[in-house]
Structures are given as C-alpha cells and as structure tokens.
Amino acid sequence: MKIKVKLFATLRKFGPDEQVIDVPENSSIDDVINSLDLPRKFALLRIVNGEHRPPSYPLKDGDELALFPPIAGG
C-alpha cells in the first residue's frame, strides 16, 4: 500500500520533505518511522490525515502521515 509521508522542521534533513512510500499491508506508524531510518532519539508528533495518532496506529492505503519533532514555544 502507498502512504504519503511529510517531514517537518528539523526532520527534513533526514529525507525529502514529502514522499510516497510503499509499505506492507497492516503497517503501523512505528513501522513506517523505522523504515525511514529516523534517529530514535526524537520524540515525534504523529499526525495521520490531520489527527494525532499513537505509534501503533494501523495505516491504510492512501493515508498521509505527517511527522513533527516536539515544538516548544513561549
């Protein structure tokens, strides 16, 4: 199945800002993150189709996964 992945902020240095990847059926967000070889030290915000989701969330064909590093402000 195909998933669109968007990387934001400091994550952009680890791959294209936006890419479509093929993943096996029943892949989770964590499976996709592991396939991207992102450093595990990052705590990530995971947004699927505009909604925050846990790492174990099962993805469906055509989903859009946006990954953000934690953002702090004041």
PDB file of N, CA and C in Angstrom:
ATOM      1  N   MET A   1       0.846  -1.178   0.000  1.00  0.00           N
ATOM      2  CA  MET A   1       0.000   0.000   0.000  1.00  0.00           C
ATOM      3  C   MET A   1       0.888   1.235   0.000  1.00  0.00           C
ATOM      4  N   LYS A   2       0.346   2.338  -0.474  1.00  0.00           N
ATOM      5  CA  LYS A   2       1.108   3.580  -0.570  1.00  0.00           C
ATOM      6  C   LYS A   2       0.682   4.550   0.533  1.00  0.00           C
ATOM      7  N   ILE A   3       1.689   5.141   1.167  1.00  0.00           N
ATOM      8  CA  ILE A   3       1.496   6.121   2.239  1.00  0.00           C
ATOM      9  C   ILE A   3       2.280   7.376   1.870  1.00  0.00           C
ATOM     10  N   LYS A   4       1.655   8.541   2.014  1.00  0.00           N
ATOM     11  CA  LYS A   4       2.385   9.799   1.825  1.00  0.00           C
ATOM     12  C   LYS A   4       2.968  10.203   3.169  1.00  0.00           C
ATOM     13  N   VAL A   5       4.269  10.473   3.188  1.00  0.00           N
ATOM     14  CA  VAL A   5       4.959  10.874   4.415  1.00  0.00           C
ATOM     15  C   VAL A   5       5.491  12.293   4.237  1.00  0.00           C
ATOM     16  N   LYS A   6       5.203  13.141   5.219  1.00  0.00           N
ATOM     17  CA  LYS A   6       5.714  14.514   5.227  1.00  0.00           C
ATOM     18  C   LYS A   6       6.578  14.698   6.463  1.00  0.00           C
ATOM     19  N   LEU A   7       7.765  15.232   6.268  1.00  0.00           N
ATOM     20  CA  LEU A   7       8.683  15.519   7.376  1.00  0.00           C
ATOM     21  C   LEU A   7       8.748  17.034   7.572  1.00  0.00           C
ATOM     22  N   PHE A   8       8.673  17.463   8.825  1.00  0.00           N
ATOM     23  CA  PHE A   8       8.659  18.891   9.124  1.00  0.00           C
ATOM     24  C   PHE A   8       9.825  19.282  10.023  1.00  0.00           C
ATOM     25  N   ALA A   9      10.147  20.574   9.964  1.00  0.00           N
ATOM     26  CA  ALA A   9      11.170  21.195  10.818  1.00  0.00           C
ATOM     27  C   ALA A   9      12.505  20.458  10.690  1.00  0.00           C
ATOM     28  N   THR A  10      13.123  20.120  11.800  1.00  0.00           N
ATOM     29  CA  THR A  10      14.458  19.514  11.771  1.00  0.00           C
ATOM     30  C   THR A  10      14.479  18.112  11.183  1.00  0.00           C
ATOM     31  N   LEU A  11      13.330  17.480  11.023  1.00  0.00           N
ATOM     32  CA  LEU A  11      13.288  16.137  10.430  1.00  0.00           C
ATOM     33  C   LEU A  11      13.572  16.171   8.931  1.00  0.00           C
ATOM     34  N   ARG A  12      13.449  17.323   8.316  1.00  0.00           N
ATOM     35  CA  ARG A  12      13.664  17.443   6.867  1.00  0.00           C
ATOM     36  C   ARG A  12      15.073  17.054   6.447  1.00  0.00           C
ATOM     37  N   LYS A  13      16.022  17.140   7.350  1.00  0.00           N
ATOM     38  CA  LYS A  13      17.395  16.781   6.975  1.00  0.00           C
ATOM     39  C   LYS A  13      17.581  15.262   6.846  1.00  0.00           C
ATOM     40  N   PHE A  14      16.565  14.475   7.198  1.00  0.00           N
ATOM     41  CA  PHE A  14      16.657  13.019   7.129  1.00  0.00           C
ATOM     42  C   PHE A  14      15.969  12.435   5.902  1.00  0.00           C
ATOM     43  N   GLY A  15      15.460  13.267   5.030  1.00  0.00           N
ATOM     44  CA  GLY A  15      14.822  12.776   3.814  1.00  0.00           C
ATOM     45  C   GLY A  15      14.064  13.883   3.126  1.00  0.00           C
ATOM     46  N   PRO A  16      13.421  13.553   2.022  1.00  0.00           N
ATOM     47  CA  PRO A  16      12.626  14.571   1.325  1.00  0.00           C
ATOM     48  C   PRO A  16      11.504  15.095   2.230  1.00  0.00           C
ATOM     49  N   ASP A  17      11.135  16.337   2.020  1.00  0.00           N
ATOM     50  CA  ASP A  17      10.037  16.931   2.788  1.00  0.00           C
ATOM     51  C   ASP A  17       8.760  16.108   2.645  1.00  0.00           C
ATOM     52  N   GLU A  18       8.553  15.592   1.434  1.00  0.00           N
ATOM     53  CA  GLU A  18       7.345  14.835   1.146  1.00  0.00           C
ATOM     54  C   GLU A  18       7.707  13.684   0.222  1.00  0.00           C
ATOM     55  N   GLN A  19       7.201  12.504   0.541  1.00  0.00           N
ATOM     56  CA  GLN A  19       7.469  11.337  -0.293  1.00  0.00           C
ATOM     57  C   GLN A  19       6.326  10.341  -0.183  1.00  0.00           C
ATOM     58  N   VAL A  20       6.157   9.545  -1.201  1.00  0.00           N
ATOM     59  CA  VAL A  20       5.180   8.462  -1.184  1.00  0.00           C
ATOM     60  C   VAL A  20       5.981   7.170  -1.120  1.00  0.00           C
ATOM     61  N   ILE A  21       5.673   6.346  -0.109  1.00  0.00           N
ATOM     62  CA  ILE A  21       6.408   5.098   0.061  1.00  0.00           C
ATOM     63  C   ILE A  21       5.446   3.918   0.022  1.00  0.00           C
ATOM     64  N   ASP A  22       5.986   2.777  -0.397  1.00  0.00           N
ATOM     65  CA  ASP A  22       5.237   1.520  -0.363  1.00  0.00           C
ATOM     66  C   ASP A  22       5.544   0.820   0.946  1.00  0.00           C
ATOM     67  N   VAL A  23       4.511   0.401   1.640  1.00  0.00           N
ATOM     68  CA  VAL A  23       4.670  -0.346   2.888  1.00  0.00           C
ATOM     69  C   VAL A  23       3.753  -1.564   2.845  1.00  0.00           C
ATOM     70  N   PRO A  24       4.081  -2.613   3.593  1.00  0.00           N
ATOM     71  CA  PRO A  24       3.209  -3.789   3.625  1.00  0.00           C
ATOM     72  C   PRO A  24       1.851  -3.464   4.260  1.00  0.00           C
ATOM     73  N   GLU A  25       0.845  -4.242   3.874  1.00  0.00           N
ATOM     74  CA  GLU A  25      -0.470  -4.111   4.495  1.00  0.00           C
ATOM     75  C   GLU A  25      -0.329  -4.242   6.015  1.00  0.00           C
ATOM     76  N   ASN A  26      -1.192  -3.563   6.749  1.00  0.00           N
ATOM     77  CA  ASN A  26      -1.220  -3.591   8.215  1.00  0.00           C
ATOM     78  C   ASN A  26       0.005  -2.978   8.865  1.00  0.00           C
ATOM     79  N   SER A  27       0.747  -2.135   8.152  1.00  0.00           N
ATOM     80  CA  SER A  27       1.888  -1.441   8.763  1.00  0.00           C
ATOM     81  C   SER A  27       1.375  -0.385   9.732  1.00  0.00           C
ATOM     82  N   SER A  28       2.130  -0.199  10.794  1.00  0.00           N
ATOM     83  CA  SER A  28       1.792   0.828  11.780  1.00  0.00           C
ATOM     84  C   SER A  28       2.634   2.076  11.514  1.00  0.00           C
ATOM     85  N   ILE A  29       2.305   3.131  12.220  1.00  0.00           N
ATOM     86  CA  ILE A  29       3.113   4.352  12.130  1.00  0.00           C
ATOM     87  C   ILE A  29       4.551   4.035  12.516  1.00  0.00           C
ATOM     88  N   ASP A  30       4.731   3.266  13.583  1.00  0.00           N
ATOM     89  CA  ASP A  30       6.079   2.915  14.023  1.00  0.00           C
ATOM     90  C   ASP A  30       6.844   2.139  12.956  1.00  0.00           C
ATOM     91  N   ASP A  31       6.161   1.255  12.233  1.00  0.00           N
ATOM     92  CA  ASP A  31       6.809   0.521  11.140  1.00  0.00           C
ATOM     93  C   ASP A  31       7.343   1.486  10.084  1.00  0.00           C
ATOM     94  N   VAL A  32       6.546   2.479   9.743  1.00  0.00           N
ATOM     95  CA  VAL A  32       6.961   3.457   8.740  1.00  0.00           C
ATOM     96  C   VAL A  32       8.136   4.284   9.257  1.00  0.00           C
ATOM     97  N   ILE A  33       8.056   4.744  10.497  1.00  0.00           N
ATOM     98  CA  ILE A  33       9.155   5.524  11.078  1.00  0.00           C
ATOM     99  C   ILE A  33      10.446   4.718  11.061  1.00  0.00           C
ATOM    100  N   ASN A  34      10.369   3.442  11.417  1.00  0.00           N
ATOM    101  CA  ASN A  34      11.567   2.591  11.398  1.00  0.00           C
ATOM    102  C   ASN A  34      12.117   2.438   9.992  1.00  0.00           C
ATOM    103  N   SER A  35      11.261   2.367   9.002  1.00  0.00           N
ATOM    104  CA  SER A  35      11.724   2.211   7.621  1.00  0.00           C
ATOM    105  C   SER A  35      12.412   3.468   7.098  1.00  0.00           C
ATOM    106  N   LEU A  36      12.122   4.612   7.706  1.00  0.00           N
ATOM    107  CA  LEU A  36      12.727   5.882   7.286  1.00  0.00           C
ATOM    108  C   LEU A  36      14.096   6.127   7.914  1.00  0.00           C
ATOM    109  N   ASP A  37      14.508   5.277   8.825  1.00  0.00           N
ATOM    110  CA  ASP A  37      15.808   5.421   9.499  1.00  0.00           C
ATOM    111  C   ASP A  37      15.961   6.758  10.211  1.00  0.00           C
ATOM    112  N   LEU A  38      14.887   7.230  10.822  1.00  0.00           N
ATOM    113  CA  LEU A  38      14.976   8.444  11.637  1.00  0.00           C
ATOM    114  C   LEU A  38      15.642   8.079  12.963  1.00  0.00           C
ATOM    115  N   PRO A  39      16.435   8.971  13.515  1.00  0.00           N
ATOM    116  CA  PRO A  39      17.051   8.686  14.806  1.00  0.00           C
ATOM    117  C   PRO A  39      16.000   8.428  15.876  1.00  0.00           C
ATOM    118  N   ARG A  40      16.197   7.408  16.665  1.00  0.00           N
ATOM    119  CA  ARG A  40      15.233   7.034  17.707  1.00  0.00           C
ATOM    120  C   ARG A  40      15.223   8.031  18.862  1.00  0.00           C
ATOM    121  N   LYS A  41      16.200   8.935  18.900  1.00  0.00           N
ATOM    122  CA  LYS A  41      16.247   9.898  20.000  1.00  0.00           C
ATOM    123  C   LYS A  41      15.125  10.934  19.908  1.00  0.00           C
ATOM    124  N   PHE A  42      14.513  11.051  18.721  1.00  0.00           N
ATOM    125  CA  PHE A  42      13.460  12.041  18.544  1.00  0.00           C
ATOM    126  C   PHE A  42      12.136  11.538  19.102  1.00  0.00           C
ATOM    127  N   ALA A  43      11.522  12.345  19.944  1.00  0.00           N
ATOM    128  CA  ALA A  43      10.127  12.104  20.316  1.00  0.00           C
ATOM    129  C   ALA A  43       9.319  12.792  19.220  1.00  0.00           C
ATOM    130  N   LEU A  44       8.429  12.079  18.582  1.00  0.00           N
ATOM    131  CA  LEU A  44       7.743  12.629  17.417  1.00  0.00           C
ATOM    132  C   LEU A  44       6.252  12.840  17.663  1.00  0.00           C
ATOM    133  N   LEU A  45       5.740  13.875  17.045  1.00  0.00           N
ATOM    134  CA  LEU A  45       4.297  14.050  16.947  1.00  0.00           C
ATOM    135  C   LEU A  45       3.892  13.364  15.646  1.00  0.00           C
ATOM    136  N   ARG A  46       2.897  12.487  15.709  1.00  0.00           N
ATOM    137  CA  ARG A  46       2.479  11.694  14.565  1.00  0.00           C
ATOM    138  C   ARG A  46       1.039  12.055  14.208  1.00  0.00           C
ATOM    139  N   ILE A  47       0.871  12.622  13.028  1.00  0.00           N
ATOM    140  CA  ILE A  47      -0.438  13.072  12.576  1.00  0.00           C
ATOM    141  C   ILE A  47      -0.819  12.269  11.323  1.00  0.00           C
ATOM    142  N   VAL A  48      -1.962  11.576  11.385  1.00  0.00           N
ATOM    143  CA  VAL A  48      -2.457  10.828  10.233  1.00  0.00           C
ATOM    144  C   VAL A  48      -3.757  11.475   9.769  1.00  0.00           C
ATOM    145  N   ASN A  49      -3.737  11.922   8.528  1.00  0.00           N
ATOM    146  CA  ASN A  49      -4.926  12.562   7.947  1.00  0.00           C
ATOM    147  C   ASN A  49      -5.492  13.645   8.855  1.00  0.00           C
ATOM    148  N   GLY A  50      -4.592  14.420   9.462  1.00  0.00           N
ATOM    149  CA  GLY A  50      -4.996  15.564  10.275  1.00  0.00           C
ATOM    150  C   GLY A  50      -5.308  15.275  11.729  1.00  0.00           C
ATOM    151  N   GLU A  51      -5.128  14.022  12.171  1.00  0.00           N
ATOM    152  CA  GLU A  51      -5.425  13.687  13.564  1.00  0.00           C
ATOM    153  C   GLU A  51      -4.238  13.015  14.239  1.00  0.00           C
ATOM    154  N   HIS A  52      -3.965  13.420  15.487  1.00  0.00           N
ATOM    155  CA  HIS A  52      -2.863  12.829  16.253  1.00  0.00           C
ATOM    156  C   HIS A  52      -3.152  11.355  16.495  1.00  0.00           C
ATOM    157  N   ARG A  53      -2.149  10.503  16.278  1.00  0.00           N
ATOM    158  CA  ARG A  53      -2.318   9.059  16.439  1.00  0.00           C
ATOM    159  C   ARG A  53      -1.138   8.460  17.197  1.00  0.00           C
ATOM    160  N   PRO A  54      -1.350   7.333  17.902  1.00  0.00           N
ATOM    161  CA  PRO A  54      -0.256   6.659  18.615  1.00  0.00           C
ATOM    162  C   PRO A  54       0.632   5.881  17.644  1.00  0.00           C
ATOM    163  N   PRO A  55       1.837   5.499  18.088  1.00  0.00           N
ATOM    164  CA  PRO A  55       2.774   4.785  17.210  1.00  0.00           C
ATOM    165  C   PRO A  55       2.225   3.477  16.662  1.00  0.00           C
ATOM    166  N   SER A  56       1.344   2.824  17.383  1.00  0.00           N
ATOM    167  CA  SER A  56       0.817   1.526  16.952  1.00  0.00           C
ATOM    168  C   SER A  56      -0.364   1.645  15.977  1.00  0.00           C
ATOM    169  N   TYR A  57      -0.759   2.856  15.654  1.00  0.00           N
ATOM    170  CA  TYR A  57      -1.919   3.068  14.790  1.00  0.00           C
ATOM    171  C   TYR A  57      -1.719   2.373  13.440  1.00  0.00           C
ATOM    172  N   PRO A  58      -2.683   1.538  13.006  1.00  0.00           N
ATOM    173  CA  PRO A  58      -2.554   0.853  11.708  1.00  0.00           C
ATOM    174  C   PRO A  58      -2.896   1.787  10.551  1.00  0.00           C
ATOM    175  N   LEU A  59      -2.013   1.878   9.600  1.00  0.00           N
ATOM    176  CA  LEU A  59      -2.218   2.756   8.453  1.00  0.00           C
ATOM    177  C   LEU A  59      -3.009   2.044   7.366  1.00  0.00           C
ATOM    178  N   LYS A  60      -3.679   2.854   6.540  1.00  0.00           N
ATOM    179  CA  LYS A  60      -4.438   2.336   5.410  1.00  0.00           C
ATOM    180  C   LYS A  60      -3.877   2.941   4.122  1.00  0.00           C
ATOM    181  N   ASP A  61      -4.107   2.250   3.020  1.00  0.00           N
ATOM    182  CA  ASP A  61      -3.650   2.737   1.724  1.00  0.00           C
ATOM    183  C   ASP A  61      -4.151   4.155   1.492  1.00  0.00           C
ATOM    184  N   GLY A  62      -3.235   5.031   1.092  1.00  0.00           N
ATOM    185  CA  GLY A  62      -3.595   6.415   0.800  1.00  0.00           C
ATOM    186  C   GLY A  62      -3.519   7.365   1.976  1.00  0.00           C
ATOM    187  N   ASP A  63      -3.209   6.857   3.176  1.00  0.00           N
ATOM    188  CA  ASP A  63      -3.087   7.737   4.344  1.00  0.00           C
ATOM    189  C   ASP A  63      -1.937   8.723   4.157  1.00  0.00           C
ATOM    190  N   GLU A  64      -2.061   9.868   4.821  1.00  0.00           N
ATOM    191  CA  GLU A  64      -0.992  10.855   4.853  1.00  0.00           C
ATOM    192  C   GLU A  64      -0.473  10.927   6.281  1.00  0.00           C
ATOM    193  N   LEU A  65       0.807  10.653   6.443  1.00  0.00           N
ATOM    194  CA  LEU A  65       1.465  10.668   7.759  1.00  0.00           C
ATOM    195  C   LEU A  65       2.398  11.870   7.825  1.00  0.00           C
ATOM    196  N   ALA A  66       2.135  12.774   8.743  1.00  0.00           N
ATOM    197  CA  ALA A  66       2.988  13.938   8.965  1.00  0.00           C
ATOM    198  C   ALA A  66       3.743  13.741  10.263  1.00  0.00           C
ATOM    199  N   LEU A  67       5.048  13.947  10.222  1.00  0.00           N
ATOM    200  CA  LEU A  67       5.897  13.763  11.398  1.00  0.00           C
ATOM    201  C   LEU A  67       6.544  15.080  11.785  1.00  0.00           C
ATOM    202  N   PHE A  68       6.408  15.425  13.063  1.00  0.00           N
ATOM    203  CA  PHE A  68       6.945  16.671  13.584  1.00  0.00           C
ATOM    204  C   PHE A  68       7.812  16.373  14.803  1.00  0.00           C
ATOM    205  N   PRO A  69       8.951  17.064  14.940  1.00  0.00           N
ATOM    206  CA  PRO A  69       9.665  16.978  16.214  1.00  0.00           C
ATOM    207  C   PRO A  69       8.883  17.789  17.244  1.00  0.00           C
ATOM    208  N   PRO A  70       9.103  17.549  18.519  1.00  0.00           N
ATOM    209  CA  PRO A  70       8.417  18.359  19.535  1.00  0.00           C
ATOM    210  C   PRO A  70       8.732  19.836  19.332  1.00  0.00           C
ATOM    211  N   ILE A  71       7.735  20.651  19.513  1.00  0.00           N
ATOM    212  CA  ILE A  71       7.895  22.088  19.319  1.00  0.00           C
ATOM    213  C   ILE A  71       7.596  22.778  20.646  1.00  0.00           C
ATOM    214  N   ALA A  72       8.500  23.632  21.062  1.00  0.00           N
ATOM    215  CA  ALA A  72       8.303  24.390  22.306  1.00  0.00           C
ATOM    216  C   ALA A  72       8.203  25.868  21.953  1.00  0.00           C
ATOM    217  N   GLY A  73       7.451  26.541  22.726  1.00  0.00           N
ATOM    218  CA  GLY A  73       7.313  27.976  22.488  1.00  0.00           C
ATOM    219  C   GLY A  73       7.112  28.701  23.796  1.00  0.00           C
ATOM    220  N   GLY A  74       7.048  29.981  23.699  1.00  0.00           N
ATOM    221  CA  GLY A  74       6.906  30.722  24.933  1.00  0.00           C
ATOM    222  C   GLY A  74       6.065  31.917  24.808  1.00  0.00           C
TER     223      GLY A  74
END
